[in-house]
Amino acid sequence: GAQSCVAAHVGQIRPGGVRGNHRHHTCNETFIIWGAATTFR
């Protein structure tokens, strides 16, 4: 599992957009979604 990852990123995903298509081997990601419905696959 993740040991320590000290990074914060703020982003915007437009309708129909994709975020991801990559993998982190040393960190976990947490997503906070507001004002929209979403699907995680």
C-alpha atoms as a PDB file:
ATOM      1  CA  GLY A   1       0.000   0.000   0.000  1.00  0.00           C
ATOM      2  CA  ALA A   2       0.857   3.653  -0.007  1.00  0.00           C
ATOM      3  CA  GLN A   3       3.550   4.752   2.430  1.00  0.00           C
ATOM      4  CA  SER A   4       3.406   8.529   2.085  1.00  0.00           C
ATOM      5  CA  CYS A   5       2.408  10.824  -0.732  1.00  0.00           C
ATOM      6  CA  VAL A   6       2.459  14.553  -0.146  1.00  0.00           C
ATOM      7  CA  ALA A   7       0.744  16.172  -3.120  1.00  0.00           C
ATOM      8  CA  ALA A   8      -2.537  17.967  -3.696  1.00  0.00           C
ATOM      9  CA  HIS A   9      -4.051  18.700  -7.089  1.00  0.00           C
ATOM     10  CA  VAL A  10      -7.209  20.600  -7.975  1.00  0.00           C
ATOM     11  CA  GLY A  11      -8.765  19.969 -11.347  1.00  0.00           C
ATOM     12  CA  GLN A  12     -11.890  20.266 -13.416  1.00  0.00           C
ATOM     13  CA  ILE A  13     -13.430  17.596 -15.599  1.00  0.00           C
ATOM     14  CA  ARG A  14     -15.868  18.844 -18.212  1.00  0.00           C
ATOM     15  CA  PRO A  15     -19.002  16.838 -19.112  1.00  0.00           C
ATOM     16  CA  GLY A  16     -18.026  13.756 -21.089  1.00  0.00           C
ATOM     17  CA  GLY A  17     -14.375  14.101 -20.048  1.00  0.00           C
ATOM     18  CA  VAL A  18     -12.141  11.345 -18.716  1.00  0.00           C
ATOM     19  CA  ARG A  19      -9.764  11.524 -15.771  1.00  0.00           C
ATOM     20  CA  GLY A  20      -7.378   8.723 -15.151  1.00  0.00           C
ATOM     21  CA  ASN A  21      -6.074   6.082 -17.527  1.00  0.00           C
ATOM     22  CA  HIS A  22      -3.007   5.767 -15.307  1.00  0.00           C
ATOM     23  CA  ARG A  23      -1.979   4.019 -12.118  1.00  0.00           C
ATOM     24  CA  HIS A  24      -0.066   5.061  -9.020  1.00  0.00           C
ATOM     25  CA  HIS A  25       2.145   2.386  -7.500  1.00  0.00           C
ATOM     26  CA  THR A  26       3.145   4.389  -4.415  1.00  0.00           C
ATOM     27  CA  CYS A  27       0.114   6.638  -3.723  1.00  0.00           C
ATOM     28  CA  ASN A  28      -3.637   6.423  -3.310  1.00  0.00           C
ATOM     29  CA  GLU A  29      -5.913   9.040  -4.887  1.00  0.00           C
ATOM     30  CA  THR A  30      -8.972  10.548  -3.240  1.00  0.00           C
ATOM     31  CA  PHE A  31     -11.592  12.319  -5.337  1.00  0.00           C
ATOM     32  CA  ILE A  32     -14.053  14.828  -3.911  1.00  0.00           C
ATOM     33  CA  ILE A  33     -16.948  15.421  -6.308  1.00  0.00           C
ATOM     34  CA  TRP A  34     -19.488  18.209  -5.900  1.00  0.00           C
ATOM     35  CA  GLY A  35     -22.242  19.571  -8.092  1.00  0.00           C
ATOM     36  CA  ALA A  36     -22.294  16.652 -10.521  1.00  0.00           C
ATOM     37  CA  ALA A  37     -23.113  12.999 -10.995  1.00  0.00           C
ATOM     38  CA  THR A  38     -20.205  10.738 -11.916  1.00  0.00           C
ATOM     39  CA  THR A  39     -19.259   7.161 -12.748  1.00  0.00           C
ATOM     40  CA  PHE A  40     -16.113   5.426 -11.496  1.00  0.00           C
ATOM     41  CA  ARG A  41     -14.947   2.419 -13.487  1.00  0.00           C
END
